[in-house]
Amino acid sequence: MRNELFDLWERLHGRGAAFNSNVRNDWTSLSERYGARREAARRYAWAVPSDAALDALAGLSPIIEVGAGTGYWAALLRDRGVDVLAFDIAPRDPANHHHGDSPLWTNVERADAEVAGLHPDRTLFLCWPPYDEPMGATALRAYIAAGGHTLVYIGEGEGGCTANDDFHQLLDSLELVREIDLPQWDGIHDYMGIYRIVRHG
């Protein structure tokens, strides 16, 4: 499966562009990139997959993705032979204000965030948990309580436009094992973090 979202990002930023995209001052191209990002987030995903990010996730299989949206990341991973369970509270639903009724790239099952607690043997993958909503914290808390071991989080840091304060406080209690740069849209500072859940006593 071709990574269409990365191809789009690269066309707009230049082949081989640095993943930190804040490199142009041309307002015409900036306006074009903002419009493209809005459409890309609805059709594909909020974060742009790179080969390095997909390789890192593949190495942590099996995976459970909660908040999978259109299933774009899951589709790319499944195409690489990765074992992924993908869930979203409202896959392909006009009421979903993040992706609406955009076509799914792969099978995404309907479930709420607490489904993470049913699969502690898998790596938990959270890609852009919704801003100022409890989904990310609910999934992570259920996963930790069930004995989960590894989180892959894609989003911004505390004070950014992903997840809520509760989630970021939970994230601070985990051990950051590795951080991977992602192709970034203008004004966005997301990253991939691989975290180990540390248990005391």
N, C-alpha and C. Protein backbone atom coordinates (compact mmCIF):
# COMPACT_ATOMS: atom_id res chain seq x y z
N MET A 1 0.85 -1.20 0.00
CA MET A 1 0.00 0.00 0.00
C MET A 1 0.88 1.25 0.00
N ARG A 2 0.62 2.15 -0.92
CA ARG A 2 1.41 3.37 -1.00
C ARG A 2 0.99 4.33 0.12
N ASN A 3 1.96 5.00 0.69
CA ASN A 3 1.70 5.95 1.77
C ASN A 3 1.31 7.30 1.16
N GLU A 4 0.04 7.43 0.78
CA GLU A 4 -0.44 8.60 0.07
C GLU A 4 -0.31 9.88 0.91
N LEU A 5 -0.51 9.76 2.20
CA LEU A 5 -0.43 10.95 3.05
C LEU A 5 0.98 11.50 3.09
N PHE A 6 1.97 10.63 3.21
CA PHE A 6 3.36 11.10 3.19
C PHE A 6 3.69 11.70 1.83
N ASP A 7 3.21 11.08 0.75
CA ASP A 7 3.46 11.62 -0.59
C ASP A 7 2.88 13.03 -0.72
N LEU A 8 1.66 13.24 -0.17
CA LEU A 8 1.04 14.56 -0.21
C LEU A 8 1.87 15.56 0.58
N TRP A 9 2.27 15.18 1.78
CA TRP A 9 3.08 16.08 2.61
C TRP A 9 4.37 16.45 1.89
N GLU A 10 5.01 15.48 1.26
CA GLU A 10 6.27 15.73 0.59
C GLU A 10 6.08 16.63 -0.65
N ARG A 11 4.98 16.46 -1.36
CA ARG A 11 4.71 17.33 -2.51
C ARG A 11 4.56 18.78 -2.08
N LEU A 12 3.94 18.98 -0.91
CA LEU A 12 3.69 20.33 -0.44
C LEU A 12 4.91 20.98 0.21
N HIS A 13 5.83 20.17 0.71
CA HIS A 13 6.98 20.70 1.44
C HIS A 13 8.30 20.53 0.70
N GLY A 14 8.27 19.72 -0.36
CA GLY A 14 9.49 19.48 -1.12
C GLY A 14 10.06 18.12 -0.79
N ARG A 15 10.49 17.41 -1.83
CA ARG A 15 11.07 16.08 -1.63
C ARG A 15 12.32 16.20 -0.77
N GLY A 16 12.38 15.37 0.26
CA GLY A 16 13.53 15.39 1.15
C GLY A 16 13.52 16.52 2.17
N ALA A 17 12.38 17.23 2.28
CA ALA A 17 12.28 18.34 3.24
C ALA A 17 12.45 17.83 4.66
N ALA A 18 13.00 18.69 5.51
CA ALA A 18 13.11 18.35 6.92
C ALA A 18 11.72 18.13 7.49
N PHE A 19 11.60 17.18 8.41
CA PHE A 19 10.28 16.87 8.96
C PHE A 19 9.69 18.05 9.72
N ASN A 20 10.55 18.92 10.29
CA ASN A 20 10.02 20.15 10.86
C ASN A 20 9.66 21.04 9.69
N SER A 21 8.37 21.24 9.46
CA SER A 21 7.88 21.83 8.22
C SER A 21 7.89 23.35 8.20
N ASN A 22 8.27 23.98 9.30
CA ASN A 22 8.17 25.43 9.38
C ASN A 22 9.36 26.08 8.67
N VAL A 23 9.38 25.92 7.34
CA VAL A 23 10.56 26.31 6.59
C VAL A 23 10.27 27.35 5.51
N ARG A 24 9.00 27.73 5.29
CA ARG A 24 8.67 28.65 4.21
C ARG A 24 7.94 29.89 4.74
N ASN A 25 8.11 30.99 4.04
CA ASN A 25 7.39 32.20 4.38
C ASN A 25 6.46 32.64 3.27
N ASP A 26 6.27 31.80 2.27
CA ASP A 26 5.40 32.10 1.13
C ASP A 26 3.95 31.89 1.56
N TRP A 27 3.18 32.98 1.67
CA TRP A 27 1.84 32.88 2.21
C TRP A 27 0.90 32.09 1.30
N THR A 28 1.17 32.10 0.00
CA THR A 28 0.34 31.31 -0.90
C THR A 28 0.52 29.83 -0.61
N SER A 29 1.77 29.37 -0.53
CA SER A 29 2.00 27.95 -0.26
C SER A 29 1.59 27.59 1.16
N LEU A 30 1.74 28.54 2.10
CA LEU A 30 1.31 28.28 3.47
C LEU A 30 -0.20 28.07 3.51
N SER A 31 -0.94 28.92 2.82
CA SER A 31 -2.39 28.78 2.77
C SER A 31 -2.78 27.46 2.13
N GLU A 32 -2.09 27.08 1.09
CA GLU A 32 -2.36 25.81 0.43
C GLU A 32 -2.11 24.64 1.37
N ARG A 33 -1.03 24.72 2.15
CA ARG A 33 -0.71 23.63 3.07
C ARG A 33 -1.73 23.53 4.21
N TYR A 34 -2.21 24.66 4.69
CA TYR A 34 -3.24 24.62 5.74
C TYR A 34 -4.51 23.95 5.23
N GLY A 35 -4.92 24.32 4.01
CA GLY A 35 -6.11 23.69 3.44
C GLY A 35 -5.91 22.21 3.20
N ALA A 36 -4.72 21.85 2.73
CA ALA A 36 -4.42 20.44 2.49
C ALA A 36 -4.41 19.65 3.79
N ARG A 37 -3.92 20.26 4.86
CA ARG A 37 -3.88 19.55 6.14
C ARG A 37 -5.29 19.25 6.64
N ARG A 38 -6.20 20.22 6.52
CA ARG A 38 -7.58 19.99 6.97
C ARG A 38 -8.20 18.80 6.24
N GLU A 39 -8.03 18.77 4.93
CA GLU A 39 -8.59 17.68 4.14
C GLU A 39 -7.88 16.36 4.43
N ALA A 40 -6.56 16.41 4.58
CA ALA A 40 -5.79 15.19 4.84
C ALA A 40 -6.15 14.58 6.19
N ALA A 41 -6.36 15.42 7.20
CA ALA A 41 -6.73 14.92 8.53
C ALA A 41 -8.07 14.20 8.48
N ARG A 42 -9.00 14.73 7.69
CA ARG A 42 -10.31 14.10 7.58
C ARG A 42 -10.23 12.79 6.80
N ARG A 43 -9.50 12.79 5.71
CA ARG A 43 -9.46 11.63 4.81
C ARG A 43 -8.48 10.54 5.27
N TYR A 44 -7.34 10.96 5.83
CA TYR A 44 -6.29 10.00 6.18
C TYR A 44 -6.13 9.89 7.71
N ALA A 45 -5.38 10.83 8.27
CA ALA A 45 -5.06 10.79 9.71
C ALA A 45 -4.52 12.15 10.11
N TRP A 46 -4.50 12.41 11.40
CA TRP A 46 -3.98 13.69 11.89
C TRP A 46 -2.46 13.74 11.82
N ALA A 47 -1.80 12.60 11.95
CA ALA A 47 -0.34 12.55 11.90
C ALA A 47 0.12 11.88 10.61
N VAL A 48 1.27 12.33 10.10
CA VAL A 48 1.80 11.82 8.84
C VAL A 48 2.77 10.68 9.13
N PRO A 49 2.49 9.47 8.64
CA PRO A 49 3.40 8.34 8.89
C PRO A 49 4.68 8.46 8.07
N SER A 50 5.79 8.15 8.69
CA SER A 50 7.07 8.02 8.00
C SER A 50 7.49 6.56 8.04
N ASP A 51 8.45 6.18 7.20
CA ASP A 51 8.94 4.81 7.23
C ASP A 51 9.53 4.47 8.60
N ALA A 52 10.27 5.43 9.18
CA ALA A 52 10.89 5.17 10.49
C ALA A 52 9.84 4.92 11.56
N ALA A 53 8.75 5.69 11.53
CA ALA A 53 7.68 5.51 12.52
C ALA A 53 6.99 4.17 12.33
N LEU A 54 6.70 3.82 11.09
CA LEU A 54 6.04 2.54 10.81
C LEU A 54 6.94 1.37 11.18
N ASP A 55 8.24 1.48 10.90
CA ASP A 55 9.19 0.43 11.26
C ASP A 55 9.23 0.24 12.78
N ALA A 56 9.22 1.36 13.51
CA ALA A 56 9.27 1.27 14.97
C ALA A 56 8.02 0.58 15.51
N LEU A 57 6.87 0.93 14.97
CA LEU A 57 5.63 0.28 15.39
C LEU A 57 5.63 -1.20 15.04
N ALA A 58 6.11 -1.53 13.86
CA ALA A 58 6.15 -2.93 13.44
C ALA A 58 6.99 -3.76 14.40
N GLY A 59 8.04 -3.17 14.93
CA GLY A 59 8.89 -3.87 15.87
C GLY A 59 8.26 -4.09 17.23
N LEU A 60 7.12 -3.47 17.48
CA LEU A 60 6.42 -3.59 18.77
C LEU A 60 5.13 -4.39 18.66
N SER A 61 4.94 -5.09 17.56
CA SER A 61 3.76 -5.91 17.34
C SER A 61 3.70 -7.04 18.37
N PRO A 62 2.50 -7.47 18.75
CA PRO A 62 1.16 -7.06 18.28
C PRO A 62 0.72 -5.75 18.91
N ILE A 63 -0.22 -5.06 18.24
CA ILE A 63 -0.62 -3.71 18.59
C ILE A 63 -2.13 -3.63 18.74
N ILE A 64 -2.57 -2.77 19.66
CA ILE A 64 -3.97 -2.35 19.71
C ILE A 64 -3.98 -0.85 19.54
N GLU A 65 -4.70 -0.38 18.52
CA GLU A 65 -4.85 1.05 18.29
C GLU A 65 -6.24 1.47 18.73
N VAL A 66 -6.29 2.45 19.60
CA VAL A 66 -7.55 2.99 20.09
C VAL A 66 -7.68 4.42 19.55
N GLY A 67 -8.85 4.73 18.99
CA GLY A 67 -9.02 6.01 18.31
C GLY A 67 -8.40 5.95 16.92
N ALA A 68 -8.66 4.86 16.21
CA ALA A 68 -7.99 4.61 14.93
C ALA A 68 -8.53 5.45 13.79
N GLY A 69 -9.66 6.13 13.97
CA GLY A 69 -10.18 7.00 12.92
C GLY A 69 -10.52 6.24 11.65
N THR A 70 -9.90 6.65 10.55
CA THR A 70 -10.14 5.99 9.25
C THR A 70 -9.37 4.68 9.11
N GLY A 71 -8.50 4.39 10.08
CA GLY A 71 -7.69 3.17 9.99
C GLY A 71 -6.48 3.31 9.09
N TYR A 72 -6.07 4.55 8.78
CA TYR A 72 -4.97 4.74 7.83
C TYR A 72 -3.66 4.15 8.35
N TRP A 73 -3.28 4.49 9.57
CA TRP A 73 -2.04 3.93 10.13
C TRP A 73 -2.15 2.41 10.23
N ALA A 74 -3.29 1.91 10.68
CA ALA A 74 -3.47 0.46 10.81
C ALA A 74 -3.35 -0.23 9.46
N ALA A 75 -3.87 0.40 8.41
CA ALA A 75 -3.79 -0.18 7.07
C ALA A 75 -2.34 -0.30 6.61
N LEU A 76 -1.57 0.76 6.83
CA LEU A 76 -0.15 0.72 6.44
C LEU A 76 0.60 -0.35 7.23
N LEU A 77 0.27 -0.49 8.51
CA LEU A 77 0.93 -1.51 9.32
C LEU A 77 0.52 -2.91 8.89
N ARG A 78 -0.76 -3.12 8.65
CA ARG A 78 -1.23 -4.43 8.21
C ARG A 78 -0.61 -4.81 6.87
N ASP A 79 -0.40 -3.81 6.01
CA ASP A 79 0.24 -4.07 4.73
C ASP A 79 1.67 -4.56 4.91
N ARG A 80 2.28 -4.22 6.05
CA ARG A 80 3.63 -4.69 6.38
C ARG A 80 3.60 -6.01 7.14
N GLY A 81 2.43 -6.57 7.32
CA GLY A 81 2.31 -7.84 8.02
C GLY A 81 2.20 -7.72 9.53
N VAL A 82 1.93 -6.51 10.02
CA VAL A 82 1.86 -6.29 11.47
C VAL A 82 0.47 -6.69 11.98
N ASP A 83 0.44 -7.31 13.14
CA ASP A 83 -0.79 -7.72 13.82
C ASP A 83 -1.36 -6.52 14.57
N VAL A 84 -2.44 -5.93 14.04
CA VAL A 84 -3.04 -4.72 14.62
C VAL A 84 -4.53 -4.93 14.83
N LEU A 85 -4.99 -4.65 16.03
CA LEU A 85 -6.42 -4.51 16.30
C LEU A 85 -6.72 -3.01 16.31
N ALA A 86 -7.70 -2.57 15.51
CA ALA A 86 -8.00 -1.14 15.39
C ALA A 86 -9.42 -0.87 15.86
N PHE A 87 -9.56 0.11 16.76
CA PHE A 87 -10.86 0.46 17.32
C PHE A 87 -11.08 1.97 17.27
N ASP A 88 -12.34 2.35 17.14
CA ASP A 88 -12.71 3.76 17.22
C ASP A 88 -14.14 3.83 17.74
N ILE A 89 -14.47 4.90 18.43
CA ILE A 89 -15.81 5.00 18.99
C ILE A 89 -16.86 5.23 17.91
N ALA A 90 -16.45 5.81 16.77
CA ALA A 90 -17.42 6.08 15.71
C ALA A 90 -16.76 6.00 14.34
N PRO A 91 -16.37 4.79 13.91
CA PRO A 91 -15.76 4.68 12.58
C PRO A 91 -16.77 4.94 11.49
N ARG A 92 -16.38 5.74 10.52
CA ARG A 92 -17.22 6.12 9.37
C ARG A 92 -18.63 6.48 9.79
N ASP A 93 -18.72 7.53 10.58
CA ASP A 93 -19.99 7.98 11.12
C ASP A 93 -20.09 9.49 10.90
N PRO A 94 -21.15 9.98 10.24
CA PRO A 94 -21.28 11.43 10.03
C PRO A 94 -21.21 12.23 11.33
N ALA A 95 -21.55 11.59 12.44
CA ALA A 95 -21.50 12.29 13.73
C ALA A 95 -20.07 12.45 14.25
N ASN A 96 -19.12 11.74 13.65
CA ASN A 96 -17.72 11.84 14.06
C ASN A 96 -17.16 13.13 13.46
N HIS A 97 -16.94 14.14 14.31
CA HIS A 97 -16.50 15.44 13.78
C HIS A 97 -15.03 15.46 13.42
N HIS A 98 -14.31 14.36 13.67
CA HIS A 98 -12.89 14.30 13.29
C HIS A 98 -12.71 13.78 11.87
N HIS A 99 -13.46 12.74 11.51
CA HIS A 99 -13.30 12.13 10.19
C HIS A 99 -14.61 11.99 9.41
N GLY A 100 -15.73 12.27 10.06
CA GLY A 100 -17.01 12.18 9.38
C GLY A 100 -17.23 10.80 8.79
N ASP A 101 -17.76 10.77 7.57
CA ASP A 101 -18.03 9.48 6.93
C ASP A 101 -16.95 9.15 5.89
N SER A 102 -15.72 9.61 6.14
CA SER A 102 -14.62 9.27 5.23
C SER A 102 -14.49 7.75 5.15
N PRO A 103 -14.20 7.23 3.96
CA PRO A 103 -14.04 5.77 3.81
C PRO A 103 -12.92 5.24 4.70
N LEU A 104 -13.10 4.03 5.18
CA LEU A 104 -12.07 3.38 5.99
C LEU A 104 -11.01 2.77 5.08
N TRP A 105 -9.77 2.83 5.54
CA TRP A 105 -8.64 2.23 4.80
C TRP A 105 -8.48 0.76 5.12
N THR A 106 -9.05 0.34 6.22
CA THR A 106 -8.99 -1.05 6.66
C THR A 106 -10.10 -1.24 7.67
N ASN A 107 -10.29 -2.44 8.15
CA ASN A 107 -11.34 -2.71 9.12
C ASN A 107 -11.03 -2.03 10.46
N VAL A 108 -12.00 -1.25 10.93
CA VAL A 108 -11.91 -0.61 12.25
C VAL A 108 -13.17 -0.98 13.02
N GLU A 109 -12.99 -1.63 14.15
CA GLU A 109 -14.12 -2.06 14.98
C GLU A 109 -14.60 -0.90 15.86
N ARG A 110 -15.90 -0.91 16.16
CA ARG A 110 -16.48 0.11 17.03
C ARG A 110 -16.31 -0.29 18.50
N ALA A 111 -15.68 0.59 19.27
CA ALA A 111 -15.50 0.34 20.71
C ALA A 111 -15.08 1.63 21.38
N ASP A 112 -15.37 1.75 22.67
CA ASP A 112 -14.91 2.94 23.39
C ASP A 112 -13.49 2.73 23.89
N ALA A 113 -12.95 3.74 24.54
CA ALA A 113 -11.53 3.75 24.90
C ALA A 113 -11.14 2.65 25.88
N GLU A 114 -12.08 2.19 26.68
CA GLU A 114 -11.76 1.19 27.69
C GLU A 114 -11.41 -0.17 27.09
N VAL A 115 -11.61 -0.34 25.78
CA VAL A 115 -11.21 -1.58 25.12
C VAL A 115 -9.72 -1.83 25.28
N ALA A 116 -8.95 -0.78 25.52
CA ALA A 116 -7.50 -0.93 25.72
C ALA A 116 -7.20 -1.87 26.88
N GLY A 117 -8.07 -1.88 27.89
CA GLY A 117 -7.85 -2.72 29.05
C GLY A 117 -8.07 -4.20 28.79
N LEU A 118 -8.63 -4.55 27.64
CA LEU A 118 -8.87 -5.95 27.30
C LEU A 118 -7.67 -6.59 26.58
N HIS A 119 -6.66 -5.79 26.29
CA HIS A 119 -5.53 -6.29 25.50
C HIS A 119 -4.19 -5.83 26.08
N PRO A 120 -3.92 -6.13 27.35
CA PRO A 120 -2.66 -5.67 27.96
C PRO A 120 -1.43 -6.35 27.40
N ASP A 121 -1.62 -7.46 26.66
CA ASP A 121 -0.49 -8.17 26.07
C ASP A 121 0.00 -7.48 24.79
N ARG A 122 -0.77 -6.54 24.26
CA ARG A 122 -0.40 -5.82 23.05
C ARG A 122 0.17 -4.44 23.39
N THR A 123 0.94 -3.88 22.46
CA THR A 123 1.38 -2.50 22.58
C THR A 123 0.19 -1.59 22.31
N LEU A 124 -0.03 -0.62 23.18
CA LEU A 124 -1.11 0.34 22.99
C LEU A 124 -0.62 1.48 22.10
N PHE A 125 -1.37 1.77 21.05
CA PHE A 125 -1.04 2.84 20.10
C PHE A 125 -2.13 3.88 20.15
N LEU A 126 -1.75 5.11 20.51
CA LEU A 126 -2.66 6.25 20.54
C LEU A 126 -2.10 7.33 19.62
N CYS A 127 -2.80 7.60 18.53
CA CYS A 127 -2.36 8.60 17.56
C CYS A 127 -3.31 9.80 17.60
N TRP A 128 -2.82 10.90 18.11
CA TRP A 128 -3.59 12.12 18.23
C TRP A 128 -4.90 11.92 18.99
N PRO A 129 -4.83 11.50 20.26
CA PRO A 129 -6.06 11.47 21.06
C PRO A 129 -6.70 12.86 21.07
N PRO A 130 -8.02 12.95 20.96
CA PRO A 130 -8.68 14.24 20.76
C PRO A 130 -8.34 15.26 21.85
N TYR A 131 -8.18 16.49 21.41
CA TYR A 131 -7.83 17.60 22.29
C TYR A 131 -8.89 17.83 23.36
N ASP A 132 -8.40 17.94 24.59
CA ASP A 132 -9.23 18.28 25.75
C ASP A 132 -10.40 17.34 25.94
N GLU A 133 -10.21 16.10 25.52
CA GLU A 133 -11.21 15.05 25.74
C GLU A 133 -10.57 13.91 26.52
N PRO A 134 -11.37 13.10 27.23
CA PRO A 134 -10.80 12.09 28.12
C PRO A 134 -10.36 10.80 27.43
N MET A 135 -10.57 10.66 26.13
CA MET A 135 -10.33 9.38 25.46
C MET A 135 -8.93 8.83 25.72
N GLY A 136 -7.90 9.64 25.51
CA GLY A 136 -6.53 9.16 25.68
C GLY A 136 -6.26 8.70 27.10
N ALA A 137 -6.67 9.50 28.08
CA ALA A 137 -6.45 9.15 29.48
C ALA A 137 -7.24 7.90 29.86
N THR A 138 -8.46 7.78 29.38
CA THR A 138 -9.28 6.61 29.69
C THR A 138 -8.63 5.34 29.15
N ALA A 139 -8.18 5.39 27.90
CA ALA A 139 -7.53 4.22 27.30
C ALA A 139 -6.26 3.86 28.04
N LEU A 140 -5.43 4.84 28.32
CA LEU A 140 -4.14 4.56 28.97
C LEU A 140 -4.35 4.05 30.39
N ARG A 141 -5.27 4.64 31.10
CA ARG A 141 -5.53 4.19 32.48
C ARG A 141 -6.05 2.75 32.50
N ALA A 142 -6.95 2.41 31.58
CA ALA A 142 -7.47 1.03 31.51
C ALA A 142 -6.36 0.05 31.16
N TYR A 143 -5.51 0.44 30.26
CA TYR A 143 -4.39 -0.40 29.81
C TYR A 143 -3.39 -0.64 30.95
N ILE A 144 -3.05 0.42 31.67
CA ILE A 144 -2.12 0.29 32.80
C ILE A 144 -2.73 -0.61 33.88
N ALA A 145 -3.99 -0.38 34.21
CA ALA A 145 -4.66 -1.16 35.26
C ALA A 145 -4.71 -2.64 34.91
N ALA A 146 -4.77 -2.96 33.62
CA ALA A 146 -4.85 -4.36 33.19
C ALA A 146 -3.48 -5.02 33.09
N GLY A 147 -2.41 -4.24 33.31
CA GLY A 147 -1.07 -4.83 33.26
C GLY A 147 -0.32 -4.57 31.97
N GLY A 148 -0.78 -3.60 31.16
CA GLY A 148 -0.11 -3.29 29.91
C GLY A 148 1.33 -2.85 30.11
N HIS A 149 2.13 -2.96 29.06
CA HIS A 149 3.57 -2.76 29.20
C HIS A 149 4.16 -1.64 28.36
N THR A 150 3.58 -1.33 27.17
CA THR A 150 4.21 -0.36 26.28
C THR A 150 3.15 0.52 25.62
N LEU A 151 3.43 1.82 25.58
CA LEU A 151 2.58 2.79 24.90
C LEU A 151 3.37 3.44 23.77
N VAL A 152 2.75 3.54 22.60
CA VAL A 152 3.26 4.40 21.54
C VAL A 152 2.27 5.55 21.41
N TYR A 153 2.76 6.76 21.67
CA TYR A 153 1.92 7.96 21.63
C TYR A 153 2.40 8.86 20.52
N ILE A 154 1.46 9.30 19.68
CA ILE A 154 1.74 10.32 18.68
C ILE A 154 0.85 11.51 18.98
N GLY A 155 1.49 12.66 19.17
CA GLY A 155 0.75 13.87 19.46
C GLY A 155 1.72 14.95 19.91
N GLU A 156 1.17 16.00 20.47
CA GLU A 156 1.99 17.10 20.97
C GLU A 156 2.19 16.93 22.47
N GLY A 157 3.10 17.72 23.01
CA GLY A 157 3.36 17.69 24.44
C GLY A 157 2.28 18.40 25.22
N GLU A 158 2.46 18.45 26.53
CA GLU A 158 1.49 19.11 27.40
C GLU A 158 1.29 20.55 26.97
N GLY A 159 0.03 20.98 26.93
CA GLY A 159 -0.28 22.33 26.46
C GLY A 159 -0.49 22.40 24.96
N GLY A 160 -0.29 21.28 24.26
CA GLY A 160 -0.49 21.23 22.82
C GLY A 160 -1.92 20.90 22.46
N CYS A 161 -2.12 20.44 21.23
CA CYS A 161 -3.50 20.26 20.73
C CYS A 161 -3.92 18.79 20.69
N THR A 162 -3.35 17.98 21.57
CA THR A 162 -3.79 16.59 21.67
C THR A 162 -4.01 16.21 23.14
N ALA A 163 -5.00 15.36 23.36
CA ALA A 163 -5.32 14.79 24.68
C ALA A 163 -5.68 15.89 25.69
N ASN A 164 -5.65 15.53 26.96
CA ASN A 164 -5.98 16.48 28.01
C ASN A 164 -4.93 16.43 29.12
N ASP A 165 -5.09 17.28 30.12
CA ASP A 165 -4.10 17.37 31.20
C ASP A 165 -3.95 16.04 31.92
N ASP A 166 -5.06 15.34 32.12
CA ASP A 166 -5.03 14.05 32.81
C ASP A 166 -4.12 13.07 32.07
N PHE A 167 -4.26 13.04 30.76
CA PHE A 167 -3.42 12.15 29.95
C PHE A 167 -1.95 12.51 30.10
N HIS A 168 -1.62 13.78 30.01
CA HIS A 168 -0.22 14.19 30.05
C HIS A 168 0.39 13.95 31.42
N GLN A 169 -0.42 14.02 32.47
CA GLN A 169 0.09 13.67 33.81
C GLN A 169 0.40 12.18 33.87
N LEU A 170 -0.47 11.34 33.29
CA LEU A 170 -0.18 9.91 33.22
C LEU A 170 1.08 9.64 32.40
N LEU A 171 1.21 10.35 31.29
CA LEU A 171 2.36 10.17 30.42
C LEU A 171 3.66 10.49 31.16
N ASP A 172 3.63 11.50 32.03
CA ASP A 172 4.82 11.89 32.79
C ASP A 172 5.28 10.79 33.74
N SER A 173 4.36 9.87 34.08
CA SER A 173 4.73 8.79 35.01
C SER A 173 5.37 7.60 34.29
N LEU A 174 5.41 7.65 32.96
CA LEU A 174 5.98 6.56 32.18
C LEU A 174 7.42 6.87 31.79
N GLU A 175 8.13 5.85 31.38
CA GLU A 175 9.53 6.02 30.98
C GLU A 175 9.61 6.15 29.45
N LEU A 176 10.11 7.29 29.00
CA LEU A 176 10.30 7.50 27.57
C LEU A 176 11.51 6.71 27.11
N VAL A 177 11.28 5.73 26.23
CA VAL A 177 12.34 4.87 25.74
C VAL A 177 12.96 5.41 24.46
N ARG A 178 12.12 5.98 23.60
CA ARG A 178 12.61 6.45 22.30
C ARG A 178 11.66 7.50 21.76
N GLU A 179 12.21 8.50 21.09
CA GLU A 179 11.41 9.52 20.44
C GLU A 179 11.77 9.56 18.96
N ILE A 180 10.76 9.64 18.10
CA ILE A 180 10.97 9.61 16.66
C ILE A 180 10.33 10.85 16.04
N ASP A 181 11.09 11.56 15.22
CA ASP A 181 10.56 12.72 14.52
C ASP A 181 9.55 12.29 13.48
N LEU A 182 8.52 13.12 13.28
CA LEU A 182 7.50 12.88 12.27
C LEU A 182 7.45 14.05 11.30
N PRO A 183 6.97 13.82 10.08
CA PRO A 183 6.70 14.95 9.19
C PRO A 183 5.63 15.83 9.81
N GLN A 184 5.93 17.10 10.00
CA GLN A 184 5.02 18.00 10.70
C GLN A 184 4.39 18.99 9.74
N TRP A 185 3.11 19.26 9.98
CA TRP A 185 2.43 20.35 9.29
C TRP A 185 2.80 21.67 9.95
N ASP A 186 2.57 22.77 9.25
CA ASP A 186 2.93 24.09 9.78
C ASP A 186 2.25 24.36 11.11
N GLY A 187 3.04 24.80 12.09
CA GLY A 187 2.50 25.15 13.39
C GLY A 187 2.20 23.96 14.29
N ILE A 188 2.47 22.74 13.81
CA ILE A 188 2.20 21.53 14.58
C ILE A 188 3.54 20.95 15.06
N HIS A 189 3.54 20.46 16.30
CA HIS A 189 4.79 19.98 16.90
C HIS A 189 4.58 18.57 17.46
N ASP A 190 4.05 17.69 16.62
CA ASP A 190 3.82 16.32 17.10
C ASP A 190 5.08 15.46 16.93
N TYR A 191 5.09 14.37 17.63
CA TYR A 191 6.22 13.43 17.64
C TYR A 191 5.68 12.05 17.97
N MET A 192 6.51 11.04 17.76
CA MET A 192 6.18 9.70 18.23
C MET A 192 7.05 9.40 19.44
N GLY A 193 6.40 9.01 20.53
CA GLY A 193 7.12 8.61 21.73
C GLY A 193 6.79 7.16 22.08
N ILE A 194 7.82 6.39 22.35
CA ILE A 194 7.64 5.00 22.80
C ILE A 194 7.92 4.99 24.30
N TYR A 195 6.93 4.57 25.07
CA TYR A 195 7.01 4.65 26.53
C TYR A 195 6.88 3.26 27.14
N ARG A 196 7.64 3.03 28.19
CA ARG A 196 7.55 1.81 28.97
C ARG A 196 6.78 2.12 30.25
N ILE A 197 5.86 1.25 30.59
CA ILE A 197 5.08 1.42 31.81
C ILE A 197 5.87 0.84 32.97
N VAL A 198 6.24 1.70 33.89
CA VAL A 198 7.08 1.32 35.01
C VAL A 198 6.20 0.95 36.20
N ARG A 199 6.48 -0.20 36.76
CA ARG A 199 5.71 -0.65 37.93
C ARG A 199 6.65 -0.73 39.13
N HIS A 200 6.21 -0.21 40.24
CA HIS A 200 7.03 -0.17 41.45
C HIS A 200 6.44 -1.14 42.48
N GLY A 201 7.35 -1.84 43.14
CA GLY A 201 6.95 -2.75 44.21
C GLY A 201 6.27 -3.97 43.71
